[in-house]
Amino acid sequence: MTTYVISVPGTFTGAVPDVTRDELARALRPADSHRTHLGDEEDLDALSVNEDGTFTIRLTVEADTAKHAESHAQEVADSALRTAGLDRDRAPLGPSVVTGIDSDV
């Protein structure tokens, strides 16, 4: 298994209160990219929100392939958004992408 750092973009389609963003960040904590060597070096936050409502979720995922890692990251991001009370209409996600592979090699 390989540890991947996956970025999942999305957009808040309306105002999202700080308490909801905090809940989302808590829901993402187990897969936080800071738990990897790459995440520490690059100072990658699990959730980054821009002023225009777009956001990026960065997750650490263990998987056999990049494709499986991207798919699992989508599931984790979707679940965290639902935990924070955001449905697919309020926070649609874009396609995930591998942004790093954490390796001791």
N, C-alpha and C. Protein backbone atom coordinates (compact mmCIF):
# COMPACT_ATOMS: atom_id res chain seq x y z
N MET A 1 0.84 -1.19 0.00
CA MET A 1 0.00 0.00 0.00
C MET A 1 0.88 1.25 0.00
N THR A 2 0.38 2.26 -0.64
CA THR A 2 1.07 3.54 -0.74
C THR A 2 0.21 4.62 -0.12
N THR A 3 0.85 5.61 0.48
CA THR A 3 0.13 6.75 1.04
C THR A 3 0.11 7.86 0.00
N TYR A 4 -1.09 8.28 -0.37
CA TYR A 4 -1.27 9.35 -1.34
C TYR A 4 -1.85 10.58 -0.65
N VAL A 5 -1.46 11.75 -1.10
CA VAL A 5 -2.14 12.99 -0.73
C VAL A 5 -3.01 13.35 -1.92
N ILE A 6 -4.30 13.44 -1.66
CA ILE A 6 -5.28 13.68 -2.72
C ILE A 6 -5.96 15.02 -2.47
N SER A 7 -6.11 15.81 -3.52
CA SER A 7 -6.85 17.08 -3.44
C SER A 7 -8.20 16.90 -4.11
N VAL A 8 -9.24 17.34 -3.39
CA VAL A 8 -10.60 17.27 -3.91
C VAL A 8 -11.16 18.69 -3.90
N PRO A 9 -11.39 19.28 -5.08
CA PRO A 9 -11.94 20.64 -5.13
C PRO A 9 -13.45 20.64 -4.98
N GLY A 10 -13.97 21.76 -4.58
CA GLY A 10 -15.42 21.90 -4.47
C GLY A 10 -15.80 23.36 -4.41
N THR A 11 -17.11 23.60 -4.33
CA THR A 11 -17.63 24.96 -4.26
C THR A 11 -18.79 25.00 -3.29
N PHE A 12 -18.74 25.94 -2.35
CA PHE A 12 -19.90 26.22 -1.51
C PHE A 12 -20.82 27.11 -2.34
N THR A 13 -22.04 26.67 -2.57
CA THR A 13 -22.94 27.43 -3.43
C THR A 13 -23.67 28.54 -2.68
N GLY A 14 -23.47 28.62 -1.39
CA GLY A 14 -24.06 29.67 -0.59
C GLY A 14 -23.16 29.95 0.61
N ALA A 15 -23.64 30.82 1.48
CA ALA A 15 -22.86 31.14 2.67
C ALA A 15 -22.78 29.92 3.58
N VAL A 16 -21.60 29.69 4.13
CA VAL A 16 -21.38 28.58 5.05
C VAL A 16 -20.84 29.17 6.35
N PRO A 17 -21.59 29.03 7.43
CA PRO A 17 -21.15 29.59 8.71
C PRO A 17 -19.83 28.98 9.18
N ASP A 18 -19.09 29.75 9.97
CA ASP A 18 -17.81 29.27 10.49
C ASP A 18 -17.97 27.98 11.28
N VAL A 19 -19.06 27.84 12.01
CA VAL A 19 -19.28 26.63 12.80
C VAL A 19 -19.40 25.40 11.90
N THR A 20 -19.97 25.56 10.72
CA THR A 20 -20.08 24.45 9.76
C THR A 20 -18.70 24.12 9.19
N ARG A 21 -17.92 25.14 8.90
CA ARG A 21 -16.55 24.91 8.40
C ARG A 21 -15.72 24.20 9.47
N ASP A 22 -15.90 24.59 10.72
CA ASP A 22 -15.18 23.94 11.81
C ASP A 22 -15.58 22.47 11.93
N GLU A 23 -16.88 22.19 11.79
CA GLU A 23 -17.37 20.82 11.84
C GLU A 23 -16.78 20.00 10.68
N LEU A 24 -16.70 20.59 9.51
CA LEU A 24 -16.11 19.93 8.36
C LEU A 24 -14.64 19.63 8.62
N ALA A 25 -13.91 20.59 9.14
CA ALA A 25 -12.49 20.37 9.44
C ALA A 25 -12.32 19.24 10.46
N ARG A 26 -13.19 19.18 11.47
CA ARG A 26 -13.12 18.08 12.45
C ARG A 26 -13.39 16.73 11.78
N ALA A 27 -14.36 16.70 10.89
CA ALA A 27 -14.70 15.45 10.20
C ALA A 27 -13.56 14.97 9.30
N LEU A 28 -12.74 15.90 8.82
CA LEU A 28 -11.62 15.56 7.94
C LEU A 28 -10.35 15.18 8.71
N ARG A 29 -10.32 15.46 9.99
CA ARG A 29 -9.10 15.29 10.79
C ARG A 29 -8.45 13.91 10.66
N PRO A 30 -9.19 12.80 10.66
CA PRO A 30 -8.50 11.50 10.57
C PRO A 30 -7.71 11.31 9.26
N ALA A 31 -8.07 12.01 8.22
CA ALA A 31 -7.37 11.87 6.93
C ALA A 31 -6.54 13.12 6.60
N ASP A 32 -6.25 13.94 7.61
CA ASP A 32 -5.52 15.19 7.41
C ASP A 32 -4.15 14.94 6.79
N SER A 33 -3.83 15.70 5.77
CA SER A 33 -2.55 15.54 5.06
C SER A 33 -1.35 15.93 5.90
N HIS A 34 -1.56 16.63 7.01
CA HIS A 34 -0.43 16.96 7.90
C HIS A 34 0.16 15.72 8.54
N ARG A 35 -0.53 14.60 8.45
CA ARG A 35 -0.05 13.36 9.04
C ARG A 35 0.99 12.67 8.16
N THR A 36 1.35 13.28 7.05
CA THR A 36 2.36 12.73 6.16
C THR A 36 3.57 13.64 6.12
N HIS A 37 4.69 13.10 5.71
CA HIS A 37 5.91 13.88 5.54
C HIS A 37 5.68 15.04 4.56
N LEU A 38 5.02 14.74 3.45
CA LEU A 38 4.74 15.76 2.44
C LEU A 38 3.83 16.85 3.00
N GLY A 39 2.81 16.46 3.73
CA GLY A 39 1.88 17.44 4.29
C GLY A 39 2.55 18.41 5.24
N ASP A 40 3.48 17.90 6.05
CA ASP A 40 4.22 18.77 6.97
C ASP A 40 5.13 19.72 6.20
N GLU A 41 5.86 19.19 5.24
CA GLU A 41 6.79 20.02 4.47
C GLU A 41 6.08 21.12 3.70
N GLU A 42 4.97 20.78 3.11
CA GLU A 42 4.25 21.73 2.26
C GLU A 42 3.21 22.54 3.03
N ASP A 43 3.03 22.24 4.31
CA ASP A 43 2.03 22.90 5.15
C ASP A 43 0.64 22.82 4.52
N LEU A 44 0.23 21.61 4.19
CA LEU A 44 -1.06 21.38 3.55
C LEU A 44 -2.17 21.26 4.59
N ASP A 45 -3.13 22.15 4.56
CA ASP A 45 -4.28 22.06 5.44
C ASP A 45 -5.31 21.13 4.83
N ALA A 46 -6.05 20.42 5.69
CA ALA A 46 -7.09 19.52 5.20
C ALA A 46 -8.16 20.29 4.45
N LEU A 47 -8.46 21.51 4.88
CA LEU A 47 -9.50 22.32 4.23
C LEU A 47 -8.98 23.73 3.99
N SER A 48 -9.02 24.15 2.74
CA SER A 48 -8.68 25.53 2.38
C SER A 48 -9.89 26.12 1.67
N VAL A 49 -10.34 27.28 2.13
CA VAL A 49 -11.51 27.93 1.55
C VAL A 49 -11.10 29.30 1.01
N ASN A 50 -11.48 29.56 -0.23
CA ASN A 50 -11.20 30.85 -0.87
C ASN A 50 -12.37 31.80 -0.67
N GLU A 51 -12.12 33.08 -0.87
CA GLU A 51 -13.15 34.10 -0.69
C GLU A 51 -14.35 33.92 -1.61
N ASP A 52 -14.15 33.29 -2.77
CA ASP A 52 -15.25 33.11 -3.73
C ASP A 52 -16.09 31.86 -3.45
N GLY A 53 -15.80 31.17 -2.33
CA GLY A 53 -16.59 29.99 -1.97
C GLY A 53 -16.04 28.68 -2.49
N THR A 54 -15.00 28.75 -3.31
CA THR A 54 -14.37 27.51 -3.75
C THR A 54 -13.50 26.99 -2.61
N PHE A 55 -13.30 25.69 -2.58
CA PHE A 55 -12.49 25.11 -1.52
C PHE A 55 -11.73 23.91 -2.05
N THR A 56 -10.71 23.53 -1.29
CA THR A 56 -9.95 22.33 -1.59
C THR A 56 -9.82 21.52 -0.31
N ILE A 57 -10.14 20.24 -0.43
CA ILE A 57 -9.95 19.30 0.67
C ILE A 57 -8.72 18.46 0.30
N ARG A 58 -7.75 18.39 1.21
CA ARG A 58 -6.55 17.58 0.98
C ARG A 58 -6.54 16.46 2.00
N LEU A 59 -6.49 15.22 1.49
CA LEU A 59 -6.60 14.04 2.33
C LEU A 59 -5.44 13.09 2.14
N THR A 60 -5.12 12.38 3.19
CA THR A 60 -4.17 11.29 3.12
C THR A 60 -4.95 10.00 2.95
N VAL A 61 -4.60 9.22 1.95
CA VAL A 61 -5.32 7.98 1.65
C VAL A 61 -4.31 6.87 1.41
N GLU A 62 -4.55 5.72 2.02
CA GLU A 62 -3.74 4.52 1.77
C GLU A 62 -4.46 3.73 0.68
N ALA A 63 -3.74 3.38 -0.39
CA ALA A 63 -4.36 2.63 -1.48
C ALA A 63 -3.29 1.92 -2.30
N ASP A 64 -3.73 0.95 -3.09
CA ASP A 64 -2.82 0.21 -3.97
C ASP A 64 -2.48 0.99 -5.24
N THR A 65 -3.43 1.82 -5.70
CA THR A 65 -3.23 2.58 -6.92
C THR A 65 -3.73 4.00 -6.75
N ALA A 66 -3.27 4.89 -7.61
CA ALA A 66 -3.73 6.28 -7.56
C ALA A 66 -5.23 6.36 -7.82
N LYS A 67 -5.73 5.56 -8.74
CA LYS A 67 -7.16 5.56 -9.06
C LYS A 67 -7.99 5.20 -7.83
N HIS A 68 -7.57 4.16 -7.10
CA HIS A 68 -8.28 3.78 -5.88
C HIS A 68 -8.18 4.88 -4.82
N ALA A 69 -7.03 5.52 -4.73
CA ALA A 69 -6.84 6.60 -3.77
C ALA A 69 -7.77 7.76 -4.07
N GLU A 70 -7.88 8.13 -5.33
CA GLU A 70 -8.76 9.23 -5.72
C GLU A 70 -10.22 8.90 -5.41
N SER A 71 -10.63 7.69 -5.70
CA SER A 71 -12.00 7.26 -5.44
C SER A 71 -12.29 7.28 -3.95
N HIS A 72 -11.37 6.75 -3.15
CA HIS A 72 -11.57 6.73 -1.70
C HIS A 72 -11.61 8.15 -1.14
N ALA A 73 -10.77 9.03 -1.65
CA ALA A 73 -10.75 10.42 -1.18
C ALA A 73 -12.09 11.10 -1.46
N GLN A 74 -12.68 10.83 -2.61
CA GLN A 74 -14.00 11.38 -2.93
C GLN A 74 -15.03 10.93 -1.90
N GLU A 75 -14.97 9.64 -1.53
CA GLU A 75 -15.91 9.10 -0.54
C GLU A 75 -15.71 9.76 0.83
N VAL A 76 -14.46 9.92 1.24
CA VAL A 76 -14.15 10.53 2.53
C VAL A 76 -14.60 12.00 2.55
N ALA A 77 -14.31 12.73 1.49
CA ALA A 77 -14.70 14.13 1.40
C ALA A 77 -16.22 14.27 1.42
N ASP A 78 -16.90 13.43 0.65
CA ASP A 78 -18.36 13.47 0.60
C ASP A 78 -18.95 13.18 1.98
N SER A 79 -18.43 12.18 2.66
CA SER A 79 -18.91 11.83 3.99
C SER A 79 -18.69 12.96 4.99
N ALA A 80 -17.53 13.60 4.94
CA ALA A 80 -17.23 14.71 5.84
C ALA A 80 -18.17 15.89 5.60
N LEU A 81 -18.44 16.17 4.34
CA LEU A 81 -19.38 17.26 4.02
C LEU A 81 -20.76 16.95 4.57
N ARG A 82 -21.22 15.72 4.43
CA ARG A 82 -22.55 15.33 4.94
C ARG A 82 -22.58 15.40 6.46
N THR A 83 -21.47 15.00 7.10
CA THR A 83 -21.38 15.09 8.57
C THR A 83 -21.52 16.54 9.02
N ALA A 84 -20.99 17.45 8.24
CA ALA A 84 -21.08 18.88 8.56
C ALA A 84 -22.42 19.49 8.16
N GLY A 85 -23.30 18.66 7.59
CA GLY A 85 -24.63 19.15 7.22
C GLY A 85 -24.72 19.78 5.85
N LEU A 86 -23.75 19.51 5.00
CA LEU A 86 -23.74 20.08 3.65
C LEU A 86 -24.07 18.99 2.63
N ASP A 87 -25.13 19.19 1.87
CA ASP A 87 -25.49 18.19 0.85
C ASP A 87 -24.81 18.52 -0.47
N ARG A 88 -25.02 17.68 -1.47
CA ARG A 88 -24.35 17.85 -2.77
C ARG A 88 -24.76 19.14 -3.48
N ASP A 89 -25.93 19.67 -3.18
CA ASP A 89 -26.35 20.93 -3.79
C ASP A 89 -25.63 22.12 -3.17
N ARG A 90 -25.34 22.04 -1.88
CA ARG A 90 -24.69 23.15 -1.17
C ARG A 90 -23.17 23.11 -1.28
N ALA A 91 -22.61 21.92 -1.59
CA ALA A 91 -21.15 21.79 -1.68
C ALA A 91 -20.78 20.70 -2.68
N PRO A 92 -21.02 20.97 -3.98
CA PRO A 92 -20.63 19.97 -4.98
C PRO A 92 -19.11 19.84 -5.06
N LEU A 93 -18.67 18.61 -5.33
CA LEU A 93 -17.25 18.32 -5.44
C LEU A 93 -16.84 18.17 -6.90
N GLY A 94 -15.61 18.54 -7.19
CA GLY A 94 -15.04 18.32 -8.51
C GLY A 94 -14.22 17.04 -8.50
N PRO A 95 -13.54 16.76 -9.59
CA PRO A 95 -12.73 15.54 -9.67
C PRO A 95 -11.49 15.62 -8.79
N SER A 96 -11.18 14.52 -8.13
CA SER A 96 -10.01 14.48 -7.27
C SER A 96 -8.74 14.27 -8.09
N VAL A 97 -7.60 14.62 -7.49
CA VAL A 97 -6.32 14.47 -8.18
C VAL A 97 -5.23 14.16 -7.15
N VAL A 98 -4.30 13.32 -7.54
CA VAL A 98 -3.15 13.02 -6.69
C VAL A 98 -2.24 14.24 -6.69
N THR A 99 -1.96 14.76 -5.51
CA THR A 99 -1.06 15.92 -5.42
C THR A 99 0.25 15.56 -4.72
N GLY A 100 0.35 14.31 -4.23
CA GLY A 100 1.59 13.88 -3.62
C GLY A 100 1.55 12.40 -3.29
N ILE A 101 2.70 11.81 -3.24
CA ILE A 101 2.85 10.43 -2.82
C ILE A 101 3.89 10.45 -1.72
N ASP A 102 3.48 10.00 -0.53
CA ASP A 102 4.38 10.01 0.62
C ASP A 102 5.16 8.71 0.63
N SER A 103 6.47 8.82 0.50
CA SER A 103 7.30 7.63 0.41
C SER A 103 8.64 7.91 1.06
N ASP A 104 9.21 6.87 1.64
CA ASP A 104 10.55 7.01 2.22
C ASP A 104 11.63 6.75 1.21
N VAL A 105 11.26 6.48 -0.03
CA VAL A 105 12.23 6.15 -1.07
C VAL A 105 13.01 7.37 -1.50
